[in-house]
Amino acid sequence: MQEIIVGAGQAGQRFDKFLRKYIKEAPDSFLYKMLRKKNITLNGKKADGREKLAEGDRIALFFADDTLRKFRGISEAGKAGGFRGNGGAADTSKRREAERAYDRFGKLSVLYEDDHVLLVDKPAGMLSQKAERNDLSLNEWLTGYLLKSGGLTEEELRLQRPGVCNRLDRNTSGIVICGKSLYGSQQMSRLLKERSLHKYYLLYVEGQMRGERRIEGFLRKDEAANKAEILKKEEPGAEKIVTAYRPLDTRSDKTLVEVELITGKTHQIRAHLASEGFPLIGDYKYGDRAKCDSRKRQYGITHQLLHAYRVVFPEMPDKLAGLSGREIKAPLPELFRRLSADTR
């Protein structure tokens, strides 16, 4: 018999979903048969698999050792903890990939962390999630960081996948919210869907922007060109967007702006402000190439100056009480400080 005590990372999911990951080589017919015959129990009682797991729940598997190793994908050579076979190779690959990502990107600035959630300051140039199979992104870095810091064991990695909850473009820097546990991921996804989490960005635009505004429109994405088009009225394939902005520092040829993203669509800030006549400095996709080239020569700017710098949380449930009403900020990147120091 093997007993498993459910940890914070696995709590909140259905029992049968957990079992499919734990004994992943077992067919569903075998899994449900074992539940019916009480060869798998939950807290000493018969279960049907639909139960929601809670932290501290006790799962018992009344299997022979050889049977358990078979259905977990562990060979004789893996008895001492080294996993073999297809399942083991996949787990080892994920761990090594995470270690490579952590080695490549180094020790990023973690702005907040508890048992369920982590907020990290993503640098420009780093993917939030893979775009291609061989990419290394913040997702892989997160797993590497948790393995390195002891926030995740290799055994837990077989049963859960920490991951980013909101994405930033590769060349957008700033706060990315990550779920360490299933509960944390679910709660952050809920906030983002309900739009009860307030997200603010800092950016530099070309020209002199005056006055605080809330603008609306419709965004249609051209997938082939990876570019958004802003429309004044609704058309097929377009989604409504709302963007609120406030100029903070207006100079002769540029303005530092704070934007609150009311809706969150791909390239929304960049495309929406450009449609109003204020493209982001350094934005070759939505701005003027000649101006971008000039900023590149003058300041070394090669991408849009867009930084997710502040989030404000609403009241949160007990497990995330440390985030209730909390404001978290990410420091300004060097390029922002360089432009701020130029008083022209």
C-alpha atoms as a PDB file:
ATOM      1  CA  MET A   1       0.000   0.000   0.000  1.00  0.00           C
ATOM      2  CA  GLN A   2       1.165   3.527  -0.790  1.00  0.00           C
ATOM      3  CA  GLU A   3      -0.265   6.612   0.870  1.00  0.00           C
ATOM      4  CA  ILE A   4      -0.129  10.080  -0.667  1.00  0.00           C
ATOM      5  CA  ILE A   5      -0.893  13.243   1.278  1.00  0.00           C
ATOM      6  CA  VAL A   6      -2.260  15.959  -1.004  1.00  0.00           C
ATOM      7  CA  GLY A   7      -0.161  19.104  -0.952  1.00  0.00           C
ATOM      8  CA  ALA A   8      -1.126  22.708  -1.691  1.00  0.00           C
ATOM      9  CA  GLY A   9      -0.029  22.335  -5.299  1.00  0.00           C
ATOM     10  CA  GLN A  10      -2.444  19.495  -6.020  1.00  0.00           C
ATOM     11  CA  ALA A  11      -5.455  20.721  -4.017  1.00  0.00           C
ATOM     12  CA  GLY A  12      -8.529  21.940  -5.867  1.00  0.00           C
ATOM     13  CA  GLN A  13      -8.525  19.409  -8.703  1.00  0.00           C
ATOM     14  CA  ARG A  14     -10.789  16.429  -9.265  1.00  0.00           C
ATOM     15  CA  PHE A  15      -9.584  13.177  -7.740  1.00  0.00           C
ATOM     16  CA  ASP A  16      -9.674  11.273 -11.044  1.00  0.00           C
ATOM     17  CA  LYS A  17      -7.638  13.988 -12.790  1.00  0.00           C
ATOM     18  CA  PHE A  18      -4.981  13.667 -10.102  1.00  0.00           C
ATOM     19  CA  LEU A  19      -4.940   9.884 -10.487  1.00  0.00           C
ATOM     20  CA  ARG A  20      -4.537  10.128 -14.264  1.00  0.00           C
ATOM     21  CA  LYS A  21      -1.330  12.062 -13.683  1.00  0.00           C
ATOM     22  CA  TYR A  22      -0.072   9.908 -10.837  1.00  0.00           C
ATOM     23  CA  ILE A  23      -0.656   6.520 -12.499  1.00  0.00           C
ATOM     24  CA  LYS A  24      -0.565   7.891 -16.010  1.00  0.00           C
ATOM     25  CA  GLU A  25       0.115   4.564 -17.726  1.00  0.00           C
ATOM     26  CA  ALA A  26      -3.096   3.041 -16.324  1.00  0.00           C
ATOM     27  CA  PRO A  27      -6.166   2.998 -18.597  1.00  0.00           C
ATOM     28  CA  ASP A  28      -9.288   4.744 -17.334  1.00  0.00           C
ATOM     29  CA  SER A  29     -11.117   1.424 -17.119  1.00  0.00           C
ATOM     30  CA  PHE A  30      -8.519   0.147 -14.637  1.00  0.00           C
ATOM     31  CA  LEU A  31      -8.577   3.383 -12.630  1.00  0.00           C
ATOM     32  CA  TYR A  32     -12.359   3.365 -12.129  1.00  0.00           C
ATOM     33  CA  LYS A  33     -12.364  -0.363 -11.415  1.00  0.00           C
ATOM     34  CA  MET A  34      -9.837   0.236  -8.621  1.00  0.00           C
ATOM     35  CA  LEU A  35     -12.030   3.013  -7.223  1.00  0.00           C
ATOM     36  CA  ARG A  36     -15.126   0.764  -7.257  1.00  0.00           C
ATOM     37  CA  LYS A  37     -13.261  -2.077  -5.526  1.00  0.00           C
ATOM     38  CA  LYS A  38     -11.765   0.320  -2.927  1.00  0.00           C
ATOM     39  CA  ASN A  39      -8.236  -0.482  -4.066  1.00  0.00           C
ATOM     40  CA  ILE A  40      -7.931   3.309  -4.275  1.00  0.00           C
ATOM     41  CA  THR A  41      -9.469   5.243  -1.389  1.00  0.00           C
ATOM     42  CA  LEU A  42      -9.731   8.861  -0.322  1.00  0.00           C
ATOM     43  CA  ASN A  43      -9.429   9.585   3.389  1.00  0.00           C
ATOM     44  CA  GLY A  44     -10.111   5.913   4.108  1.00  0.00           C
ATOM     45  CA  LYS A  45     -13.412   5.885   2.202  1.00  0.00           C
ATOM     46  CA  LYS A  46     -14.692   4.739  -1.145  1.00  0.00           C
ATOM     47  CA  ALA A  47     -14.569   7.444  -3.819  1.00  0.00           C
ATOM     48  CA  ASP A  48     -15.858   7.735  -7.388  1.00  0.00           C
ATOM     49  CA  GLY A  49     -13.238  10.168  -8.721  1.00  0.00           C
ATOM     50  CA  ARG A  50     -15.429  13.250  -8.900  1.00  0.00           C
ATOM     51  CA  GLU A  51     -14.372  14.543  -5.482  1.00  0.00           C
ATOM     52  CA  LYS A  52     -12.408  17.796  -5.240  1.00  0.00           C
ATOM     53  CA  LEU A  53      -9.105  17.278  -3.445  1.00  0.00           C
ATOM     54  CA  ALA A  54      -8.197  19.416  -0.450  1.00  0.00           C
ATOM     55  CA  GLU A  55      -4.793  20.004   1.093  1.00  0.00           C
ATOM     56  CA  GLY A  56      -4.086  17.260   3.622  1.00  0.00           C
ATOM     57  CA  ASP A  57      -6.369  14.643   2.012  1.00  0.00           C
ATOM     58  CA  ARG A  58      -4.979  11.104   2.232  1.00  0.00           C
ATOM     59  CA  ILE A  59      -4.997   8.883  -0.841  1.00  0.00           C
ATOM     60  CA  ALA A  60      -4.271   5.177  -0.439  1.00  0.00           C
ATOM     61  CA  LEU A  61      -3.371   2.863  -3.314  1.00  0.00           C
ATOM     62  CA  PHE A  62      -3.583  -0.839  -2.451  1.00  0.00           C
ATOM     63  CA  PHE A  63      -1.406  -2.092  -5.310  1.00  0.00           C
ATOM     64  CA  ALA A  64       1.499  -4.501  -5.502  1.00  0.00           C
ATOM     65  CA  ASP A  65       4.788  -2.626  -5.848  1.00  0.00           C
ATOM     66  CA  ASP A  66       5.385  -3.963  -9.355  1.00  0.00           C
ATOM     67  CA  THR A  67       1.907  -2.909 -10.468  1.00  0.00           C
ATOM     68  CA  LEU A  68       2.338   0.589  -9.085  1.00  0.00           C
ATOM     69  CA  ARG A  69       5.743   1.012 -10.749  1.00  0.00           C
ATOM     70  CA  LYS A  70       4.290  -0.196 -14.056  1.00  0.00           C
ATOM     71  CA  PHE A  71       1.413   2.258 -14.045  1.00  0.00           C
ATOM     72  CA  ARG A  72       3.617   5.130 -12.907  1.00  0.00           C
ATOM     73  CA  GLY A  73       6.080   4.451 -15.735  1.00  0.00           C
ATOM     74  CA  ILE A  74       8.952   3.466 -13.430  1.00  0.00           C
ATOM     75  CA  SER A  75      11.200   0.575 -14.458  1.00  0.00           C
ATOM     76  CA  GLU A  76      13.217  -1.701 -12.191  1.00  0.00           C
ATOM     77  CA  ALA A  77      16.161   0.628 -12.759  1.00  0.00           C
ATOM     78  CA  GLY A  78      14.072   3.508 -11.448  1.00  0.00           C
ATOM     79  CA  LYS A  79      13.110   2.035  -8.065  1.00  0.00           C
ATOM     80  CA  ALA A  80      15.444   4.367  -6.202  1.00  0.00           C
ATOM     81  CA  GLY A  81      13.900   7.434  -7.757  1.00  0.00           C
ATOM     82  CA  GLY A  82      15.369   7.510 -11.275  1.00  0.00           C
ATOM     83  CA  PHE A  83      12.506   7.373 -13.754  1.00  0.00           C
ATOM     84  CA  ARG A  84      12.724   5.470 -17.005  1.00  0.00           C
ATOM     85  CA  GLY A  85      10.416   4.623 -19.884  1.00  0.00           C
ATOM     86  CA  ASN A  86       8.388   7.197 -21.816  1.00  0.00           C
ATOM     87  CA  GLY A  87       6.873   8.830 -18.747  1.00  0.00           C
ATOM     88  CA  GLY A  88      10.182   9.073 -16.932  1.00  0.00           C
ATOM     89  CA  ALA A  89      11.992  10.428 -19.976  1.00  0.00           C
ATOM     90  CA  ALA A  90       9.363  13.142 -20.375  1.00  0.00           C
ATOM     91  CA  ASP A  91       9.687  14.149 -16.718  1.00  0.00           C
ATOM     92  CA  THR A  92      13.473  14.270 -16.956  1.00  0.00           C
ATOM     93  CA  SER A  93      13.216  16.346 -20.135  1.00  0.00           C
ATOM     94  CA  LYS A  94      10.941  18.877 -18.404  1.00  0.00           C
ATOM     95  CA  ARG A  95      13.322  19.166 -15.469  1.00  0.00           C
ATOM     96  CA  ARG A  96      16.364  19.637 -17.699  1.00  0.00           C
ATOM     97  CA  GLU A  97      14.527  22.180 -19.805  1.00  0.00           C
ATOM     98  CA  ALA A  98      13.632  24.104 -16.633  1.00  0.00           C
ATOM     99  CA  GLU A  99      17.242  23.985 -15.458  1.00  0.00           C
ATOM    100  CA  ARG A 100      18.461  25.322 -18.832  1.00  0.00           C
ATOM    101  CA  ALA A 101      15.951  28.182 -18.685  1.00  0.00           C
ATOM    102  CA  TYR A 102      17.020  29.117 -15.158  1.00  0.00           C
ATOM    103  CA  ASP A 103      20.695  29.016 -16.164  1.00  0.00           C
ATOM    104  CA  ARG A 104      20.033  31.148 -19.260  1.00  0.00           C
ATOM    105  CA  PHE A 105      17.904  33.877 -17.711  1.00  0.00           C
ATOM    106  CA  GLY A 106      19.459  33.899 -14.254  1.00  0.00           C
ATOM    107  CA  LYS A 107      17.906  35.181 -11.056  1.00  0.00           C
ATOM    108  CA  LEU A 108      14.977  37.364 -12.132  1.00  0.00           C
ATOM    109  CA  SER A 109      13.427  39.826  -9.700  1.00  0.00           C
ATOM    110  CA  VAL A 110      10.629  38.138  -7.758  1.00  0.00           C
ATOM    111  CA  LEU A 111       8.291  40.902  -6.559  1.00  0.00           C
ATOM    112  CA  TYR A 112       5.961  38.746  -4.457  1.00  0.00           C
ATOM    113  CA  GLU A 113       5.714  35.081  -3.513  1.00  0.00           C
ATOM    114  CA  ASP A 114       3.574  32.894  -1.274  1.00  0.00           C
ATOM    115  CA  ASP A 115       2.572  29.229  -1.340  1.00  0.00           C
ATOM    116  CA  HIS A 116       0.256  29.684  -4.314  1.00  0.00           C
ATOM    117  CA  VAL A 117       1.300  32.721  -6.366  1.00  0.00           C
ATOM    118  CA  LEU A 118       4.472  34.369  -7.607  1.00  0.00           C
ATOM    119  CA  LEU A 119       4.856  37.756  -9.331  1.00  0.00           C
ATOM    120  CA  VAL A 120       8.029  38.248 -11.333  1.00  0.00           C
ATOM    121  CA  ASP A 121       9.535  41.178 -13.258  1.00  0.00           C
ATOM    122  CA  LYS A 122       9.997  39.846 -16.808  1.00  0.00           C
ATOM    123  CA  PRO A 123      12.750  41.546 -18.834  1.00  0.00           C
ATOM    124  CA  ALA A 124      12.166  42.670 -22.409  1.00  0.00           C
ATOM    125  CA  GLY A 125      13.276  40.047 -24.913  1.00  0.00           C
ATOM    126  CA  MET A 126      11.972  37.065 -22.922  1.00  0.00           C
ATOM    127  CA  LEU A 127       8.931  35.033 -23.991  1.00  0.00           C
ATOM    128  CA  SER A 128       6.154  34.533 -21.446  1.00  0.00           C
ATOM    129  CA  GLN A 129       5.338  31.150 -22.982  1.00  0.00           C
ATOM    130  CA  LYS A 130       6.833  29.028 -25.736  1.00  0.00           C
ATOM    131  CA  ALA A 131       6.164  30.111 -29.312  1.00  0.00           C
ATOM    132  CA  GLU A 132       8.076  27.167 -30.787  1.00  0.00           C
ATOM    133  CA  ARG A 133       8.784  23.722 -29.375  1.00  0.00           C
ATOM    134  CA  ASN A 134      12.438  24.418 -28.564  1.00  0.00           C
ATOM    135  CA  ASP A 135      11.891  27.871 -27.029  1.00  0.00           C
ATOM    136  CA  LEU A 136      12.791  28.624 -23.443  1.00  0.00           C
ATOM    137  CA  SER A 137      10.383  31.030 -21.774  1.00  0.00           C
ATOM    138  CA  LEU A 138       9.309  32.403 -18.419  1.00  0.00           C
ATOM    139  CA  ASN A 139       7.206  29.256 -17.959  1.00  0.00           C
ATOM    140  CA  GLU A 140      10.285  27.042 -17.999  1.00  0.00           C
ATOM    141  CA  TRP A 141      12.255  29.548 -15.890  1.00  0.00           C
ATOM    142  CA  LEU A 142       9.491  29.436 -13.254  1.00  0.00           C
ATOM    143  CA  THR A 143       9.785  25.662 -12.897  1.00  0.00           C
ATOM    144  CA  GLY A 144      13.577  25.950 -12.718  1.00  0.00           C
ATOM    145  CA  TYR A 145      13.336  28.652 -10.057  1.00  0.00           C
ATOM    146  CA  LEU A 146      10.941  26.598  -7.921  1.00  0.00           C
ATOM    147  CA  LEU A 147      13.089  23.473  -8.198  1.00  0.00           C
ATOM    148  CA  LYS A 148      16.183  25.498  -7.307  1.00  0.00           C
ATOM    149  CA  SER A 149      14.568  27.275  -4.341  1.00  0.00           C
ATOM    150  CA  GLY A 150      12.874  24.160  -2.948  1.00  0.00           C
ATOM    151  CA  GLY A 151       9.379  25.428  -3.753  1.00  0.00           C
ATOM    152  CA  LEU A 152       8.793  22.372  -5.934  1.00  0.00           C
ATOM    153  CA  THR A 153      10.145  18.837  -5.697  1.00  0.00           C
ATOM    154  CA  GLU A 154      10.777  16.559  -8.658  1.00  0.00           C
ATOM    155  CA  GLU A 155       7.946  14.312  -7.447  1.00  0.00           C
ATOM    156  CA  GLU A 156       5.569  17.300  -7.350  1.00  0.00           C
ATOM    157  CA  LEU A 157       6.681  18.245 -10.861  1.00  0.00           C
ATOM    158  CA  ARG A 158       5.191  14.944 -12.051  1.00  0.00           C
ATOM    159  CA  LEU A 159       1.808  15.959 -10.629  1.00  0.00           C
ATOM    160  CA  GLN A 160       1.555  19.691 -11.251  1.00  0.00           C
ATOM    161  CA  ARG A 161       2.765  22.302 -13.696  1.00  0.00           C
ATOM    162  CA  PRO A 162       3.275  25.823 -12.365  1.00  0.00           C
ATOM    163  CA  GLY A 163       2.763  28.408 -15.076  1.00  0.00           C
ATOM    164  CA  VAL A 164       2.159  32.023 -16.087  1.00  0.00           C
ATOM    165  CA  CYS A 165      -1.392  33.349 -15.774  1.00  0.00           C
ATOM    166  CA  ASN A 166      -1.051  36.472 -17.935  1.00  0.00           C
ATOM    167  CA  ARG A 167       1.182  36.949 -20.943  1.00  0.00           C
ATOM    168  CA  LEU A 168       3.260  39.905 -22.058  1.00  0.00           C
ATOM    169  CA  ASP A 169       4.690  40.350 -25.545  1.00  0.00           C
ATOM    170  CA  ARG A 170       8.318  39.271 -25.866  1.00  0.00           C
ATOM    171  CA  ASN A 171       9.579  42.869 -25.866  1.00  0.00           C
ATOM    172  CA  THR A 172       7.198  44.146 -23.179  1.00  0.00           C
ATOM    173  CA  SER A 173       8.762  44.121 -19.727  1.00  0.00           C
ATOM    174  CA  GLY A 174       7.242  44.041 -16.270  1.00  0.00           C
ATOM    175  CA  ILE A 175       4.935  42.118 -13.985  1.00  0.00           C
ATOM    176  CA  VAL A 176       3.840  38.616 -14.905  1.00  0.00           C
ATOM    177  CA  ILE A 177       1.578  36.718 -12.501  1.00  0.00           C
ATOM    178  CA  CYS A 178       2.376  33.032 -12.073  1.00  0.00           C
ATOM    179  CA  GLY A 179       0.465  30.237 -10.377  1.00  0.00           C
ATOM    180  CA  LYS A 180       2.612  27.955  -8.214  1.00  0.00           C
ATOM    181  CA  SER A 181      -0.309  25.730  -7.231  1.00  0.00           C
ATOM    182  CA  LEU A 182      -3.503  24.751  -9.008  1.00  0.00           C
ATOM    183  CA  TYR A 183      -5.441  26.886  -6.517  1.00  0.00           C
ATOM    184  CA  GLY A 184      -3.242  29.903  -7.217  1.00  0.00           C
ATOM    185  CA  SER A 185      -3.616  29.498 -10.990  1.00  0.00           C
ATOM    186  CA  GLN A 186      -7.389  29.153 -10.689  1.00  0.00           C
ATOM    187  CA  GLN A 187      -7.742  32.239  -8.503  1.00  0.00           C
ATOM    188  CA  MET A 188      -5.529  34.407 -10.724  1.00  0.00           C
ATOM    189  CA  SER A 189      -7.369  33.247 -13.850  1.00  0.00           C
ATOM    190  CA  ARG A 190     -10.642  34.173 -12.156  1.00  0.00           C
ATOM    191  CA  LEU A 191      -9.405  37.692 -11.379  1.00  0.00           C
ATOM    192  CA  LEU A 192      -8.207  38.208 -14.935  1.00  0.00           C
ATOM    193  CA  LYS A 193     -11.464  36.942 -16.397  1.00  0.00           C
ATOM    194  CA  GLU A 194     -13.575  39.089 -14.054  1.00  0.00           C
ATOM    195  CA  ARG A 195     -11.254  42.086 -14.640  1.00  0.00           C
ATOM    196  CA  SER A 196     -11.178  42.729 -10.901  1.00  0.00           C
ATOM    197  CA  LEU A 197      -7.371  42.872 -10.965  1.00  0.00           C
ATOM    198  CA  HIS A 198      -6.229  46.368 -11.969  1.00  0.00           C
ATOM    199  CA  LYS A 199      -3.208  46.353 -14.309  1.00  0.00           C
ATOM    200  CA  TYR A 200      -1.247  49.507 -15.144  1.00  0.00           C
ATOM    201  CA  TYR A 201       1.467  50.090 -17.733  1.00  0.00           C
ATOM    202  CA  LEU A 202       4.051  52.809 -18.229  1.00  0.00           C
ATOM    203  CA  LEU A 203       5.074  53.739 -21.753  1.00  0.00           C
ATOM    204  CA  TYR A 204       6.616  56.502 -23.801  1.00  0.00           C
ATOM    205  CA  VAL A 205       4.768  57.749 -26.872  1.00  0.00           C
ATOM    206  CA  GLU A 206       5.861  60.020 -29.680  1.00  0.00           C
ATOM    207  CA  GLY A 207       4.468  63.562 -29.481  1.00  0.00           C
ATOM    208  CA  GLN A 208       2.822  65.723 -26.845  1.00  0.00           C
ATOM    209  CA  MET A 209      -0.147  64.015 -25.263  1.00  0.00           C
ATOM    210  CA  ARG A 210      -2.520  66.198 -23.245  1.00  0.00           C
ATOM    211  CA  GLY A 211      -5.406  65.199 -21.006  1.00  0.00           C
ATOM    212  CA  GLU A 212      -6.616  62.023 -19.384  1.00  0.00           C
ATOM    213  CA  ARG A 213      -8.924  59.906 -21.558  1.00  0.00           C
ATOM    214  CA  ARG A 214     -10.808  56.617 -21.751  1.00  0.00           C
ATOM    215  CA  ILE A 215     -11.038  55.424 -25.339  1.00  0.00           C
ATOM    216  CA  GLU A 216     -13.030  52.615 -26.912  1.00  0.00           C
ATOM    217  CA  GLY A 217     -12.873  50.807 -30.215  1.00  0.00           C
ATOM    218  CA  PHE A 218     -12.810  47.385 -31.855  1.00  0.00           C
ATOM    219  CA  LEU A 219      -9.688  45.323 -32.423  1.00  0.00           C
ATOM    220  CA  ARG A 220      -9.289  42.821 -35.242  1.00  0.00           C
ATOM    221  CA  LYS A 221      -6.187  40.623 -35.291  1.00  0.00           C
ATOM    222  CA  ASP A 222      -4.420  39.704 -38.514  1.00  0.00           C
ATOM    223  CA  GLU A 223      -2.888  36.385 -37.474  1.00  0.00           C
ATOM    224  CA  ALA A 224      -0.738  36.041 -40.574  1.00  0.00           C
ATOM    225  CA  ALA A 225       0.889  39.448 -40.059  1.00  0.00           C
ATOM    226  CA  ASN A 226       0.708  39.260 -36.252  1.00  0.00           C
ATOM    227  CA  LYS A 227      -0.738  42.761 -36.246  1.00  0.00           C
ATOM    228  CA  ALA A 228      -3.902  44.335 -34.853  1.00  0.00           C
ATOM    229  CA  GLU A 229      -6.226  46.733 -36.663  1.00  0.00           C
ATOM    230  CA  ILE A 230      -8.339  49.244 -34.718  1.00  0.00           C
ATOM    231  CA  LEU A 231     -11.861  49.887 -36.000  1.00  0.00           C
ATOM    232  CA  LYS A 232     -14.332  52.570 -34.969  1.00  0.00           C
ATOM    233  CA  LYS A 233     -17.353  50.291 -35.261  1.00  0.00           C
ATOM    234  CA  GLU A 234     -17.971  46.584 -34.786  1.00  0.00           C
ATOM    235  CA  GLU A 235     -17.219  44.306 -37.719  1.00  0.00           C
ATOM    236  CA  PRO A 236     -16.936  40.513 -38.101  1.00  0.00           C
ATOM    237  CA  GLY A 237     -13.896  39.163 -36.251  1.00  0.00           C
ATOM    238  CA  ALA A 238     -13.402  42.340 -34.195  1.00  0.00           C
ATOM    239  CA  GLU A 239     -13.599  42.529 -30.393  1.00  0.00           C
ATOM    240  CA  LYS A 240     -14.452  45.553 -28.296  1.00  0.00           C
ATOM    241  CA  ILE A 241     -11.540  47.157 -26.427  1.00  0.00           C
ATOM    242  CA  VAL A 242     -11.346  49.834 -23.735  1.00  0.00           C
ATOM    243  CA  THR A 243      -8.132  51.659 -22.828  1.00  0.00           C
ATOM    244  CA  ALA A 244      -7.702  54.386 -20.184  1.00  0.00           C
ATOM    245  CA  TYR A 245      -4.616  56.606 -20.303  1.00  0.00           C
ATOM    246  CA  ARG A 246      -3.132  59.490 -18.330  1.00  0.00           C
ATOM    247  CA  PRO A 247      -0.116  61.617 -19.381  1.00  0.00           C
ATOM    248  CA  LEU A 248       2.434  61.868 -16.563  1.00  0.00           C
ATOM    249  CA  ASP A 249       5.251  63.917 -18.120  1.00  0.00           C
ATOM    250  CA  THR A 250       4.926  65.750 -21.430  1.00  0.00           C
ATOM    251  CA  ARG A 251       8.116  66.963 -23.132  1.00  0.00           C
ATOM    252  CA  SER A 252       8.735  68.658 -26.491  1.00  0.00           C
ATOM    253  CA  ASP A 253       8.677  65.435 -28.508  1.00  0.00           C
ATOM    254  CA  LYS A 254       7.603  62.642 -26.162  1.00  0.00           C
ATOM    255  CA  THR A 255       5.208  61.843 -23.310  1.00  0.00           C
ATOM    256  CA  LEU A 256       5.438  59.415 -20.424  1.00  0.00           C
ATOM    257  CA  VAL A 257       1.993  57.822 -20.087  1.00  0.00           C
ATOM    258  CA  GLU A 258       0.245  55.557 -17.589  1.00  0.00           C
ATOM    259  CA  VAL A 259      -2.305  53.183 -19.144  1.00  0.00           C
ATOM    260  CA  GLU A 260      -4.871  51.046 -17.381  1.00  0.00           C
ATOM    261  CA  LEU A 261      -5.846  48.079 -19.512  1.00  0.00           C
ATOM    262  CA  ILE A 262      -9.590  47.696 -19.051  1.00  0.00           C
ATOM    263  CA  THR A 263      -9.766  44.908 -21.623  1.00  0.00           C
ATOM    264  CA  GLY A 264      -6.729  42.832 -22.443  1.00  0.00           C
ATOM    265  CA  LYS A 265      -6.291  41.965 -26.116  1.00  0.00           C
ATOM    266  CA  THR A 266      -3.094  41.219 -28.013  1.00  0.00           C
ATOM    267  CA  HIS A 267      -1.240  44.449 -28.933  1.00  0.00           C
ATOM    268  CA  GLN A 268      -4.152  46.500 -27.563  1.00  0.00           C
ATOM    269  CA  ILE A 269      -2.139  49.348 -26.037  1.00  0.00           C
ATOM    270  CA  ARG A 270       0.261  49.621 -28.967  1.00  0.00           C
ATOM    271  CA  ALA A 271      -2.393  49.565 -31.685  1.00  0.00           C
ATOM    272  CA  HIS A 272      -4.993  51.647 -29.822  1.00  0.00           C
ATOM    273  CA  LEU A 273      -2.691  54.549 -28.978  1.00  0.00           C
ATOM    274  CA  ALA A 274      -1.140  54.495 -32.450  1.00  0.00           C
ATOM    275  CA  SER A 275      -4.653  54.832 -33.904  1.00  0.00           C
ATOM    276  CA  GLU A 276      -5.038  57.986 -31.771  1.00  0.00           C
ATOM    277  CA  GLY A 277      -1.839  59.452 -33.239  1.00  0.00           C
ATOM    278  CA  PHE A 278       0.478  58.461 -30.383  1.00  0.00           C
ATOM    279  CA  PRO A 279       2.568  55.430 -31.352  1.00  0.00           C
ATOM    280  CA  LEU A 280       4.877  54.029 -28.703  1.00  0.00           C
ATOM    281  CA  ILE A 281       8.512  55.071 -28.968  1.00  0.00           C
ATOM    282  CA  GLY A 282      10.502  52.272 -30.581  1.00  0.00           C
ATOM    283  CA  ASP A 283       7.437  50.474 -31.959  1.00  0.00           C
ATOM    284  CA  TYR A 284       8.386  49.489 -35.513  1.00  0.00           C
ATOM    285  CA  LYS A 285       5.136  47.562 -36.016  1.00  0.00           C
ATOM    286  CA  TYR A 286       2.692  50.408 -35.297  1.00  0.00           C
ATOM    287  CA  GLY A 287       4.894  53.502 -35.468  1.00  0.00           C
ATOM    288  CA  ASP A 288       6.942  55.419 -38.026  1.00  0.00           C
ATOM    289  CA  ARG A 289      10.132  53.598 -39.089  1.00  0.00           C
ATOM    290  CA  ALA A 290      12.137  56.795 -39.567  1.00  0.00           C
ATOM    291  CA  LYS A 291      11.319  57.962 -36.024  1.00  0.00           C
ATOM    292  CA  CYS A 292      12.103  54.526 -34.618  1.00  0.00           C
ATOM    293  CA  ASP A 293      15.470  54.548 -36.406  1.00  0.00           C
ATOM    294  CA  SER A 294      16.195  57.972 -34.956  1.00  0.00           C
ATOM    295  CA  ARG A 295      15.387  56.803 -31.403  1.00  0.00           C
ATOM    296  CA  LYS A 296      17.567  53.746 -31.980  1.00  0.00           C
ATOM    297  CA  ARG A 297      20.555  55.927 -32.934  1.00  0.00           C
ATOM    298  CA  GLN A 298      19.885  58.382 -30.110  1.00  0.00           C
ATOM    299  CA  TYR A 299      19.113  56.030 -27.200  1.00  0.00           C
ATOM    300  CA  GLY A 300      19.750  52.474 -28.399  1.00  0.00           C
ATOM    301  CA  ILE A 301      16.008  51.686 -28.394  1.00  0.00           C
ATOM    302  CA  THR A 302      15.193  48.608 -30.505  1.00  0.00           C
ATOM    303  CA  HIS A 303      11.652  47.773 -29.325  1.00  0.00           C
ATOM    304  CA  GLN A 304       8.502  49.413 -28.002  1.00  0.00           C
ATOM    305  CA  LEU A 305       8.899  51.076 -24.586  1.00  0.00           C
ATOM    306  CA  LEU A 306       6.091  49.332 -22.739  1.00  0.00           C
ATOM    307  CA  HIS A 307       6.378  48.224 -19.115  1.00  0.00           C
ATOM    308  CA  ALA A 308       3.746  46.451 -16.977  1.00  0.00           C
ATOM    309  CA  TYR A 309       4.720  48.299 -13.823  1.00  0.00           C
ATOM    310  CA  ARG A 310       1.830  48.086 -11.339  1.00  0.00           C
ATOM    311  CA  VAL A 311      -0.994  45.743 -10.291  1.00  0.00           C
ATOM    312  CA  VAL A 312      -3.603  46.312  -7.589  1.00  0.00           C
ATOM    313  CA  PHE A 313      -5.447  43.337  -6.102  1.00  0.00           C
ATOM    314  CA  PRO A 314      -9.023  43.278  -4.761  1.00  0.00           C
ATOM    315  CA  GLU A 315      -9.980  41.502  -1.546  1.00  0.00           C
ATOM    316  CA  MET A 316      -8.767  37.920  -1.752  1.00  0.00           C
ATOM    317  CA  PRO A 317      -9.799  34.635  -0.045  1.00  0.00           C
ATOM    318  CA  ASP A 318      -7.953  33.404   3.051  1.00  0.00           C
ATOM    319  CA  LYS A 319      -5.217  31.426   1.294  1.00  0.00           C
ATOM    320  CA  LEU A 320      -4.274  34.558  -0.642  1.00  0.00           C
ATOM    321  CA  ALA A 321      -4.972  37.074   2.124  1.00  0.00           C
ATOM    322  CA  GLY A 322      -1.471  38.508   1.716  1.00  0.00           C
ATOM    323  CA  LEU A 323      -2.567  39.952  -1.627  1.00  0.00           C
ATOM    324  CA  SER A 324      -5.802  41.597  -0.414  1.00  0.00           C
ATOM    325  CA  GLY A 325      -5.828  45.248  -1.490  1.00  0.00           C
ATOM    326  CA  ARG A 326      -2.115  45.058  -2.185  1.00  0.00           C
ATOM    327  CA  GLU A 327      -0.300  47.171  -4.777  1.00  0.00           C
ATOM    328  CA  ILE A 328       2.816  45.648  -6.328  1.00  0.00           C
ATOM    329  CA  LYS A 329       5.209  47.587  -8.566  1.00  0.00           C
ATOM    330  CA  ALA A 330       8.091  46.683 -10.850  1.00  0.00           C
ATOM    331  CA  PRO A 331      11.028  49.140 -11.128  1.00  0.00           C
ATOM    332  CA  LEU A 332      11.571  51.042 -14.368  1.00  0.00           C
ATOM    333  CA  PRO A 333      13.924  49.483 -16.921  1.00  0.00           C
ATOM    334  CA  GLU A 334      17.130  51.306 -17.861  1.00  0.00           C
ATOM    335  CA  LEU A 335      15.771  52.620 -21.189  1.00  0.00           C
ATOM    336  CA  PHE A 336      12.901  54.368 -19.397  1.00  0.00           C
ATOM    337  CA  ARG A 337      15.312  55.979 -16.957  1.00  0.00           C
ATOM    338  CA  ARG A 338      17.486  57.113 -19.850  1.00  0.00           C
ATOM    339  CA  LEU A 339      14.589  58.894 -21.549  1.00  0.00           C
ATOM    340  CA  SER A 340      13.414  60.384 -18.253  1.00  0.00           C
ATOM    341  CA  ALA A 341      16.862  61.874 -17.684  1.00  0.00           C
ATOM    342  CA  ASP A 342      16.704  63.632 -21.077  1.00  0.00           C
ATOM    343  CA  THR A 343      14.937  66.904 -20.240  1.00  0.00           C
ATOM    344  CA  ARG A 344      14.236  67.926 -23.841  1.00  0.00           C
END
